[in-house]
Amino acid sequence: MVSPARSFSRIAMAAVAALSLALPPVPARAEDGVALIRDTEIEEILRKDSEPIFKAAGIDSTSIEILLIGGKDMQAFAGPGVMGVYTGLILESENPNQLQGVIAHEVGHLAAGHSARSGEMTAAGMTPFLLTMGLGVLAALAGSGEGAAGLIGSASYFGTLGAMGYSREQESRADQAGAAMLERAGLSGKGLVEFFDNFRYQEVFQEARRFAYFRSHPLSSSRIETLRHRVEENAHYNTPDTPEALAEHSIMKAKLDGFLNPTVAITKYTEKDTSYPARYARAIAYYQMKQPDQALKLIDALLAEQPDNPYLWELKGQVLFEFGRAKEAEMPQRKSVELKPDAPLLRINLGQTLIALDDDKKVEEGVGELRKALTQEHDNAAAWRILAQAYDKQGKEGLARLATGEYFFAVGDPQQARVFAMRAREKLDKDTPEWRRATDIVLTSKPSKDDLKDLASEGSITRRSSR
């Protein structure tokens, strides 16, 4: 995982501040807050679970961004180009097929165009939108600039969530569409029925007492029985989850428990449980509870069994880095990148570690690692923030200001992005790629009349470069 730049591997936006699971500074968060979380291992498992369903729906999975949202609600949503899954949903699911069932149901809404409803949906979305914006302002007043920027930038996501209230008819259609997708993907629809059946009691609760998911997705016994009859007729109804899928699901839940509920994880995954997920959860929980020596002892034992597991090396490097042992963190971070070279979050971890060392060559190498990560995730705010610090350390003022502008651009603060981009132009050589990129940011971020005058006088407006 990460911190503002690290991977649960990196925590991007938080609900009352930047929440960093397993990632360095773990700022305070609201009891019922939400956070957008980044973690390579979990993202890969979610994508693996989702891809067969997207394919069955005729959707190009590479066009879908999967968001992992830290929150207690059993919530999920799908919209054009994006699918969000709450950690609460993952932790409540008993097996991968149940999680895939809910994902198929949400993709069923998307395929039916339900997310495009306007009118009451727009109105419903305003409440969480304004609430999230308000939390962003409060975070700013509390001195958490990054948390504030993340919240304000994410307000539209939570507005979308609030607007996704469906009728019983639409729910039934999404059930049928989801069941058909699961069958085409060669997956059982049993998990979807099981998940809904586990929460059948929700229909007797008053609206305010129901889980948010079942307030926006009305549940009824007749709907569950109709769905059950439908999936029991499918050829793949009795197709079991593969051992690999079951193992990955257990690992994902254990990792989330360790990061999000460390004190609970220590009692839930007792020392009598010697399974890999249980020991993984305990190692993470000890790390979160500021007991690094106990965490490292468990991690080293796991590495002795799985020396080629990049996520264990990543975790070891994080623990060492977060507890002021950057020199020792370098080797495990390098190992994680060596084993998983296509994972930008792991490169960000390594880059941050190298930059923290008092060695000019290491700092330069760290800059290179961050730039490689940014070729894959150009909008990674954490990487831009660390890169700005590295350039400042090297005395490269223009590049430091440009990287800071990119950071603000990524977190959705166009005003500050423009300010730093204009400052960067003053320090960068004219007509270089960096200078042109700074000009792009200024133009994209609604420049002032004075800025436009300056740009026009030098001819910059007529030759704006591409991102």
Protein backbone atom coordinates (compact mmCIF):
# COMPACT_ATOMS: atom_id res chain seq x y z
CA MET A 1 0.00 0.00 0.00
CA VAL A 2 1.15 3.59 -0.05
CA SER A 3 0.94 6.86 1.69
CA PRO A 4 0.28 10.10 0.11
CA ALA A 5 2.60 8.48 -2.22
CA ARG A 6 2.95 5.03 -1.04
CA SER A 7 1.12 2.00 -2.09
CA PHE A 8 -2.33 0.51 1.18
CA SER A 9 0.05 0.99 -1.45
CA ARG A 10 -1.06 4.63 -1.85
CA ILE A 11 -3.99 6.40 -0.34
CA ALA A 12 -5.22 9.04 -2.64
CA MET A 13 -8.19 10.87 -1.22
CA ALA A 14 -9.80 10.77 2.15
CA ALA A 15 -13.05 11.70 3.73
CA VAL A 16 -11.87 13.94 6.45
CA ALA A 17 -8.20 13.90 5.73
CA ALA A 18 -5.87 11.81 3.67
CA LEU A 19 -6.27 8.22 4.90
CA SER A 20 -3.18 6.12 4.41
CA LEU A 21 -3.69 2.49 5.04
CA ALA A 22 -0.53 0.96 5.69
CA LEU A 23 0.97 3.85 4.25
CA PRO A 24 2.79 6.33 6.07
CA PRO A 25 1.33 8.91 8.00
CA VAL A 26 -2.03 7.51 8.72
CA PRO A 27 -3.96 10.73 9.28
CA ALA A 28 -7.13 10.73 11.29
CA ARG A 29 -10.32 9.90 9.52
CA ALA A 30 -13.98 10.23 10.35
CA GLU A 31 -15.56 7.22 12.01
CA ASP A 32 -17.82 6.72 9.04
CA GLY A 33 -15.62 8.48 6.52
CA VAL A 34 -14.73 7.27 3.07
CA ALA A 35 -11.46 7.33 1.19
CA LEU A 36 -10.27 6.47 -2.27
CA ILE A 37 -7.57 3.85 -1.75
CA ARG A 38 -4.76 2.63 -3.98
CA ASP A 39 -3.25 -0.81 -3.61
CA THR A 40 -1.74 -2.76 -6.48
CA GLU A 41 -2.46 -6.22 -5.10
CA ILE A 42 -6.12 -5.55 -4.33
CA GLU A 43 -6.69 -3.67 -7.59
CA GLU A 44 -5.34 -6.67 -9.51
CA ILE A 45 -7.66 -9.08 -7.72
CA LEU A 46 -10.68 -6.84 -8.32
CA ARG A 47 -9.78 -6.49 -11.99
CA LYS A 48 -9.37 -10.25 -12.33
CA ASP A 49 -12.81 -10.75 -10.74
CA SER A 50 -14.40 -8.11 -12.98
CA GLU A 51 -12.86 -8.73 -16.40
CA PRO A 52 -14.95 -11.81 -17.33
CA ILE A 53 -18.10 -9.83 -16.49
CA PHE A 54 -17.07 -6.80 -18.53
CA LYS A 55 -16.25 -9.07 -21.44
CA ALA A 56 -19.62 -10.81 -21.18
CA ALA A 57 -21.27 -7.37 -21.22
CA GLY A 58 -19.36 -6.39 -24.37
CA ILE A 59 -17.37 -3.74 -22.47
CA ASP A 60 -13.65 -3.19 -23.00
CA SER A 61 -12.25 -3.73 -19.50
CA THR A 62 -9.22 -1.55 -20.24
CA SER A 63 -11.56 1.42 -20.58
CA ILE A 64 -12.88 0.95 -17.03
CA GLU A 65 -11.13 2.52 -14.05
CA ILE A 66 -11.70 0.46 -10.91
CA LEU A 67 -11.93 2.52 -7.72
CA LEU A 68 -11.35 0.94 -4.31
CA ILE A 69 -13.26 3.01 -1.78
CA GLY A 70 -12.59 2.73 1.92
CA GLY A 71 -15.91 2.79 3.71
CA LYS A 72 -18.14 0.58 5.84
CA ASP A 73 -21.10 0.59 3.48
CA MET A 74 -21.73 -2.50 1.35
CA GLN A 75 -21.73 -0.30 -1.71
CA ALA A 76 -20.75 -0.64 -5.34
CA PHE A 77 -21.53 1.32 -8.47
CA ALA A 78 -20.75 1.34 -12.16
CA GLY A 79 -20.84 4.25 -14.56
CA PRO A 80 -19.35 5.12 -17.94
CA GLY A 81 -15.61 4.41 -17.65
CA VAL A 82 -15.62 3.70 -13.92
CA MET A 83 -16.58 1.04 -11.39
CA GLY A 84 -16.37 1.62 -7.64
CA VAL A 85 -16.25 -1.08 -4.95
CA TYR A 86 -16.40 -0.28 -1.24
CA THR A 87 -14.17 -2.14 1.19
CA GLY A 88 -17.29 -2.81 3.27
CA LEU A 89 -18.74 -4.85 0.41
CA ILE A 90 -15.56 -6.86 -0.02
CA LEU A 91 -15.34 -7.63 3.70
CA GLU A 92 -19.00 -8.73 3.83
CA SER A 93 -18.70 -11.02 0.81
CA GLU A 94 -18.03 -14.62 1.78
CA ASN A 95 -16.43 -15.73 -1.45
CA PRO A 96 -15.39 -14.34 -4.86
CA ASN A 97 -18.62 -15.47 -6.52
CA GLN A 98 -20.71 -13.29 -4.19
CA LEU A 99 -18.55 -10.28 -5.01
CA GLN A 100 -18.72 -11.05 -8.72
CA GLY A 101 -22.50 -11.34 -8.44
CA VAL A 102 -22.82 -7.80 -7.07
CA ILE A 103 -20.39 -6.53 -9.71
CA ALA A 104 -22.48 -8.21 -12.44
CA HIS A 105 -25.62 -6.61 -11.01
CA GLU A 106 -23.99 -3.15 -11.12
CA VAL A 107 -22.71 -3.70 -14.66
CA GLY A 108 -26.30 -4.73 -15.46
CA HIS A 109 -27.42 -1.24 -14.42
CA LEU A 110 -24.71 0.26 -16.60
CA ALA A 111 -25.57 -1.88 -19.60
CA ALA A 112 -29.23 -0.89 -19.22
CA GLY A 113 -28.31 2.80 -19.12
CA HIS A 114 -29.81 3.28 -15.65
CA SER A 115 -26.91 5.49 -14.57
CA ALA A 116 -27.96 7.99 -17.21
CA ARG A 117 -31.21 8.91 -15.46
CA SER A 118 -31.56 12.61 -14.81
CA GLY A 119 -34.17 14.62 -12.94
CA GLU A 120 -34.53 13.11 -9.49
CA MET A 121 -31.12 11.47 -9.83
CA THR A 122 -29.48 14.85 -10.30
CA ALA A 123 -31.30 16.23 -7.29
CA ALA A 124 -30.39 13.20 -5.19
CA GLY A 125 -26.77 13.62 -6.10
CA MET A 126 -26.57 17.18 -4.82
CA THR A 127 -26.69 16.26 -1.12
CA PRO A 128 -23.55 14.08 -1.01
CA PHE A 129 -21.88 16.43 -3.49
CA LEU A 130 -22.37 19.42 -1.20
CA LEU A 131 -21.50 17.36 1.87
CA THR A 132 -18.23 16.20 0.35
CA MET A 133 -17.40 19.73 -0.73
CA GLY A 134 -18.14 20.88 2.81
CA LEU A 135 -15.82 18.28 4.28
CA GLY A 136 -13.12 19.48 1.91
CA VAL A 137 -13.49 23.01 3.21
CA LEU A 138 -13.32 21.75 6.80
CA ALA A 139 -10.17 19.78 5.99
CA ALA A 140 -8.62 22.94 4.55
CA LEU A 141 -9.50 24.90 7.66
CA ALA A 142 -7.94 22.14 9.75
CA GLY A 143 -4.69 22.55 7.82
CA SER A 144 -4.96 19.47 5.63
CA GLY A 145 -4.44 20.93 2.18
CA GLU A 146 -4.03 17.58 0.50
CA GLY A 147 -7.06 16.11 2.21
CA ALA A 148 -9.10 19.16 1.25
CA ALA A 149 -8.02 19.02 -2.37
CA GLY A 150 -8.81 15.32 -2.54
CA LEU A 151 -12.25 15.76 -1.06
CA ILE A 152 -13.20 18.66 -3.24
CA GLY A 153 -11.89 16.83 -6.27
CA SER A 154 -13.88 13.70 -5.36
CA ALA A 155 -17.15 15.48 -4.70
CA SER A 156 -18.48 14.48 -8.10
CA TYR A 157 -17.88 10.79 -7.34
CA PHE A 158 -19.95 10.90 -4.19
CA GLY A 159 -22.59 12.96 -5.93
CA THR A 160 -22.88 10.16 -8.45
CA LEU A 161 -23.27 7.62 -5.67
CA GLY A 162 -26.09 9.56 -4.07
CA ALA A 163 -27.87 9.88 -7.38
CA MET A 164 -27.87 6.15 -8.06
CA GLY A 165 -31.24 5.28 -6.59
CA TYR A 166 -33.10 2.66 -8.59
CA SER A 167 -36.68 1.50 -8.84
CA ARG A 168 -37.70 -2.07 -8.14
CA GLU A 169 -38.31 -2.57 -11.84
CA GLN A 170 -34.79 -1.43 -12.66
CA GLU A 171 -33.41 -3.66 -9.92
CA SER A 172 -35.15 -6.65 -11.42
CA ARG A 173 -33.80 -5.83 -14.88
CA ALA A 174 -30.28 -5.44 -13.51
CA ASP A 175 -30.67 -8.81 -11.73
CA GLN A 176 -31.62 -10.50 -14.99
CA ALA A 177 -28.86 -8.76 -16.95
CA GLY A 178 -26.30 -9.63 -14.27
CA ALA A 179 -27.39 -13.28 -14.21
CA ALA A 180 -27.07 -13.47 -18.00
CA MET A 181 -23.58 -11.93 -17.89
CA LEU A 182 -22.42 -14.37 -15.23
CA GLU A 183 -23.67 -17.31 -17.30
CA ARG A 184 -21.95 -16.01 -20.45
CA ALA A 185 -18.75 -15.60 -18.44
CA GLY A 186 -18.96 -19.20 -17.23
CA LEU A 187 -19.61 -18.09 -13.66
CA SER A 188 -22.33 -19.15 -11.24
CA GLY A 189 -25.16 -16.82 -10.32
CA LYS A 190 -25.47 -18.52 -6.95
CA GLY A 191 -23.26 -15.96 -5.22
CA LEU A 192 -25.52 -13.06 -6.18
CA VAL A 193 -28.57 -14.81 -4.70
CA GLU A 194 -26.60 -15.80 -1.59
CA PHE A 195 -25.43 -12.24 -1.00
CA PHE A 196 -28.91 -10.77 -1.31
CA ASP A 197 -30.36 -13.60 0.77
CA ASN A 198 -27.88 -12.86 3.56
CA PHE A 199 -29.46 -9.41 3.87
CA ARG A 200 -33.10 -10.35 3.26
CA TYR A 201 -33.88 -8.98 6.73
CA GLN A 202 -33.16 -5.47 5.44
CA GLU A 203 -36.60 -5.27 3.84
CA VAL A 204 -38.28 -5.15 7.25
CA PHE A 205 -36.19 -2.18 8.43
CA GLN A 206 -37.28 1.40 8.12
CA GLU A 207 -35.51 3.30 5.32
CA ALA A 208 -33.13 5.14 7.65
CA ARG A 209 -31.94 1.91 9.30
CA ARG A 210 -31.10 0.06 6.12
CA PHE A 211 -27.61 -0.24 4.69
CA ALA A 212 -27.03 2.47 2.09
CA TYR A 213 -26.76 -0.13 -0.67
CA PHE A 214 -30.22 -1.49 0.05
CA ARG A 215 -31.71 1.99 0.31
CA SER A 216 -30.63 2.76 -3.25
CA HIS A 217 -31.18 -0.86 -4.40
CA PRO A 218 -34.55 -1.89 -2.89
CA LEU A 219 -34.61 -5.53 -1.82
CA SER A 220 -37.61 -7.84 -1.47
CA SER A 221 -38.21 -11.53 -0.87
CA SER A 222 -40.10 -11.89 -4.14
CA ARG A 223 -37.19 -10.32 -6.03
CA ILE A 224 -34.72 -12.73 -4.41
CA GLU A 225 -36.87 -15.77 -5.21
CA THR A 226 -37.35 -14.64 -8.82
CA LEU A 227 -33.61 -14.26 -9.17
CA ARG A 228 -32.98 -17.63 -7.52
CA HIS A 229 -35.30 -19.38 -9.97
CA ARG A 230 -33.53 -17.64 -12.87
CA VAL A 231 -29.97 -18.60 -11.93
CA GLU A 232 -30.82 -22.17 -10.89
CA GLU A 233 -31.75 -22.82 -14.50
CA ASN A 234 -28.33 -21.73 -15.77
CA ALA A 235 -25.78 -24.32 -16.84
CA HIS A 236 -23.03 -22.84 -14.65
CA TYR A 237 -25.11 -22.59 -11.48
CA ASN A 238 -23.03 -25.24 -9.69
CA THR A 239 -19.68 -24.04 -11.04
CA PRO A 240 -17.49 -23.53 -7.94
CA ASP A 241 -14.94 -20.79 -7.33
CA THR A 242 -11.45 -21.91 -8.29
CA PRO A 243 -8.94 -22.56 -5.47
CA GLU A 244 -6.89 -19.63 -6.80
CA ALA A 245 -9.86 -17.26 -6.68
CA LEU A 246 -10.77 -18.38 -3.16
CA ALA A 247 -7.18 -17.84 -1.99
CA GLU A 248 -6.98 -14.37 -3.54
CA HIS A 249 -10.30 -13.38 -2.00
CA SER A 250 -9.08 -14.45 1.45
CA ILE A 251 -5.85 -12.50 0.97
CA MET A 252 -7.74 -9.39 -0.11
CA LYS A 253 -10.03 -9.51 2.92
CA ALA A 254 -7.14 -10.20 5.29
CA LYS A 255 -5.17 -7.27 3.89
CA LEU A 256 -8.12 -4.92 4.23
CA ASP A 257 -8.77 -6.08 7.79
CA GLY A 258 -5.14 -5.58 8.73
CA PHE A 259 -5.02 -2.04 7.37
CA LEU A 260 -8.52 -0.83 8.22
CA ASN A 261 -9.32 -2.77 11.39
CA PRO A 262 -5.96 -3.65 12.97
CA THR A 263 -7.18 -4.21 16.53
CA VAL A 264 -10.01 -6.39 15.24
CA ALA A 265 -7.65 -8.26 12.92
CA ILE A 266 -5.36 -9.25 15.78
CA THR A 267 -8.22 -11.05 17.53
CA LYS A 268 -9.93 -12.26 14.36
CA TYR A 269 -6.77 -13.82 12.92
CA THR A 270 -5.37 -15.51 16.02
CA GLU A 271 -1.89 -16.98 16.30
CA LYS A 272 -3.48 -20.42 16.19
CA ASP A 273 -4.40 -19.70 12.59
CA THR A 274 -1.20 -20.36 10.65
CA SER A 275 -2.68 -19.80 7.19
CA TYR A 276 -1.02 -17.27 4.90
CA PRO A 277 -3.93 -14.77 4.97
CA ALA A 278 -4.04 -14.85 8.79
CA ARG A 279 -0.30 -14.22 9.20
CA TYR A 280 -0.44 -11.53 6.49
CA ALA A 281 -3.28 -9.77 8.32
CA ARG A 282 -1.43 -9.93 11.66
CA ALA A 283 1.77 -8.53 10.13
CA ILE A 284 -0.12 -5.58 8.66
CA ALA A 285 -2.08 -5.06 11.88
CA TYR A 286 1.11 -4.92 13.98
CA TYR A 287 2.52 -2.40 11.50
CA GLN A 288 -0.59 -0.26 11.80
CA MET A 289 -0.48 -0.54 15.58
CA LYS A 290 3.10 0.82 15.56
CA GLN A 291 4.78 -2.44 16.49
CA PRO A 292 7.28 -2.67 13.61
CA ASP A 293 9.52 -5.36 15.12
CA GLN A 294 6.62 -7.80 15.46
CA ALA A 295 5.42 -6.92 11.97
CA LEU A 296 8.88 -7.46 10.43
CA LYS A 297 9.30 -10.79 12.20
CA LEU A 298 6.07 -12.06 10.62
CA ILE A 299 6.91 -10.57 7.21
CA ASP A 300 10.36 -12.19 7.17
CA ALA A 301 8.80 -15.56 7.97
CA LEU A 302 6.36 -15.14 5.10
CA LEU A 303 9.18 -14.09 2.75
CA ALA A 304 11.10 -17.23 3.65
CA GLU A 305 8.15 -19.16 2.22
CA GLN A 306 7.35 -16.81 -0.68
CA PRO A 307 10.59 -15.05 -1.71
CA ASP A 308 9.11 -14.00 -5.05
CA ASN A 309 6.05 -12.24 -3.64
CA PRO A 310 6.43 -8.53 -4.59
CA TYR A 311 3.74 -7.42 -2.12
CA LEU A 312 5.57 -8.89 0.86
CA TRP A 313 8.74 -7.03 -0.18
CA GLU A 314 6.64 -3.90 -0.67
CA LEU A 315 5.18 -4.28 2.81
CA LYS A 316 8.59 -4.82 4.39
CA GLY A 317 9.94 -1.72 2.66
CA GLN A 318 6.97 0.32 3.84
CA VAL A 319 7.37 -0.74 7.44
CA LEU A 320 11.08 0.11 7.42
CA PHE A 321 10.55 3.44 5.65
CA GLU A 322 7.70 4.54 7.86
CA PHE A 323 9.72 3.88 10.98
CA GLY A 324 12.72 5.93 9.89
CA ARG A 325 14.84 3.15 8.40
CA ALA A 326 15.03 4.39 4.81
CA LYS A 327 18.45 2.84 4.12
CA GLU A 328 17.16 -0.60 5.08
CA ALA A 329 13.95 0.00 3.09
CA GLU A 330 15.83 0.44 -0.19
CA MET A 331 16.57 -3.25 -0.79
CA PRO A 332 13.02 -4.56 -0.25
CA GLN A 333 11.58 -1.73 -2.33
CA ARG A 334 14.01 -2.56 -5.14
CA LYS A 335 13.05 -6.21 -4.89
CA SER A 336 9.34 -5.40 -5.17
CA VAL A 337 9.95 -3.40 -8.37
CA GLU A 338 12.23 -6.12 -9.77
CA LEU A 339 9.46 -8.68 -9.25
CA LYS A 340 6.66 -6.38 -10.46
CA PRO A 341 8.19 -3.87 -12.91
CA ASP A 342 4.85 -2.91 -14.43
CA ALA A 343 3.38 -1.62 -11.14
CA PRO A 344 3.74 2.19 -10.92
CA LEU A 345 2.80 2.34 -7.24
CA LEU A 346 5.75 0.14 -6.33
CA ARG A 347 8.06 2.43 -8.29
CA ILE A 348 6.68 5.41 -6.40
CA ASN A 349 7.52 3.69 -3.13
CA LEU A 350 11.07 3.03 -4.32
CA GLY A 351 11.43 6.56 -5.66
CA GLN A 352 10.34 8.10 -2.38
CA THR A 353 12.77 5.90 -0.45
CA LEU A 354 15.71 6.79 -2.70
CA ILE A 355 14.93 10.50 -2.50
CA ALA A 356 14.92 10.31 1.29
CA LEU A 357 18.57 9.18 1.28
CA ASP A 358 21.38 11.76 1.52
CA ASP A 359 23.01 10.70 -1.72
CA ASP A 360 22.84 12.74 -4.92
CA LYS A 361 23.03 9.65 -7.13
CA LYS A 362 20.21 7.99 -5.23
CA VAL A 363 18.08 11.13 -5.49
CA GLU A 364 18.65 11.21 -9.26
CA GLU A 365 17.73 7.54 -9.50
CA GLY A 366 14.62 8.21 -7.43
CA VAL A 367 13.61 10.94 -9.85
CA GLY A 368 13.97 8.42 -12.66
CA GLU A 369 11.74 5.91 -10.89
CA LEU A 370 9.05 8.52 -10.33
CA ARG A 371 9.16 9.65 -13.95
CA LYS A 372 8.78 6.03 -15.09
CA ALA A 373 5.75 5.64 -12.82
CA LEU A 374 4.25 8.85 -14.19
CA THR A 375 4.44 7.55 -17.76
CA GLN A 376 1.87 4.98 -16.64
CA GLU A 377 -0.12 7.18 -14.25
CA HIS A 378 0.32 10.77 -15.33
CA ASP A 379 -2.32 11.98 -12.88
CA ASN A 380 -0.73 10.37 -9.80
CA ALA A 381 -0.72 13.34 -7.42
CA ALA A 382 1.47 11.60 -4.86
CA ALA A 383 4.23 11.00 -7.41
CA TRP A 384 4.15 14.63 -8.53
CA ARG A 385 4.38 15.85 -4.94
CA ILE A 386 7.43 13.68 -4.20
CA LEU A 387 9.01 14.63 -7.54
CA ALA A 388 8.62 18.31 -6.65
CA GLN A 389 10.48 17.66 -3.39
CA ALA A 390 13.24 15.83 -5.26
CA TYR A 391 13.72 18.62 -7.80
CA ASP A 392 13.81 21.15 -4.98
CA LYS A 393 16.48 19.04 -3.29
CA GLN A 394 18.48 19.15 -6.52
CA GLY A 395 18.09 22.92 -6.84
CA LYS A 396 16.00 22.63 -10.03
CA GLU A 397 13.52 25.38 -9.22
CA GLY A 398 11.69 25.42 -12.53
CA LEU A 399 11.07 21.67 -12.55
CA ALA A 400 10.10 21.74 -8.86
CA ARG A 401 7.47 24.40 -9.57
CA LEU A 402 6.22 22.56 -12.64
CA ALA A 403 5.88 19.30 -10.65
CA THR A 404 3.97 21.19 -7.96
CA GLY A 405 1.69 22.59 -10.66
CA GLU A 406 1.13 19.05 -11.94
CA TYR A 407 0.29 17.96 -8.39
CA PHE A 408 -2.39 20.62 -8.03
CA PHE A 409 -3.65 19.86 -11.54
CA ALA A 410 -4.02 16.19 -10.57
CA VAL A 411 -5.93 16.88 -7.34
CA GLY A 412 -8.33 19.24 -9.09
CA ASP A 413 -7.08 22.64 -7.93
CA PRO A 414 -6.70 24.57 -11.23
CA GLN A 415 -6.05 27.90 -9.53
CA GLN A 416 -2.95 26.68 -7.66
CA ALA A 417 -1.89 24.64 -10.70
CA ARG A 418 -1.89 27.82 -12.79
CA VAL A 419 0.02 29.78 -10.15
CA PHE A 420 2.85 27.25 -9.99
CA ALA A 421 2.90 26.70 -13.76
CA MET A 422 3.37 30.45 -14.29
CA ARG A 423 6.20 30.45 -11.76
CA ALA A 424 7.74 27.43 -13.50
CA ARG A 425 7.76 29.27 -16.85
CA GLU A 426 9.90 31.98 -15.29
CA LYS A 427 12.60 29.44 -14.41
CA LEU A 428 12.45 27.10 -17.41
CA ASP A 429 14.15 27.58 -20.77
CA LYS A 430 11.69 28.84 -23.34
CA ASP A 431 10.32 26.36 -25.89
CA THR A 432 11.53 23.28 -24.02
CA PRO A 433 8.97 20.48 -23.51
CA GLU A 434 8.74 21.42 -19.82
CA TRP A 435 8.13 25.07 -20.59
CA ARG A 436 5.42 24.13 -23.09
CA ARG A 437 3.79 21.80 -20.55
CA ALA A 438 3.71 24.65 -18.03
CA THR A 439 2.00 26.76 -20.67
CA ASP A 440 -0.54 23.99 -21.23
CA ILE A 441 -1.42 23.93 -17.54
CA VAL A 442 -1.86 27.70 -17.48
CA LEU A 443 -4.20 27.60 -20.46
CA THR A 444 -6.12 24.57 -19.21
CA SER A 445 -6.56 26.11 -15.76
CA LYS A 446 -8.50 29.23 -16.78
CA PRO A 447 -5.75 31.85 -16.74
CA SER A 448 -6.37 35.41 -15.62
CA LYS A 449 -6.55 38.28 -18.11
CA ASP A 450 -3.01 39.32 -17.19
CA ASP A 451 -1.75 35.78 -17.78
CA LEU A 452 -3.45 35.67 -21.17
CA LYS A 453 -1.90 39.01 -22.07
CA ASP A 454 1.57 37.73 -21.21
CA LEU A 455 1.03 34.51 -23.13
CA ALA A 456 -0.34 36.31 -26.17
CA SER A 457 2.54 38.78 -26.23
CA GLU A 458 5.06 35.95 -26.51
CA GLY A 459 2.96 33.89 -28.91
CA SER A 460 2.45 30.99 -26.49
CA ILE A 461 -1.30 30.82 -27.02
CA THR A 462 -0.92 29.95 -30.69
CA ARG A 463 1.28 26.95 -30.05
CA ARG A 464 -0.12 25.12 -27.14
CA SER A 465 1.41 21.67 -26.84
CA SER A 466 -0.41 18.43 -26.07
CA ARG A 467 -0.27 16.78 -22.68
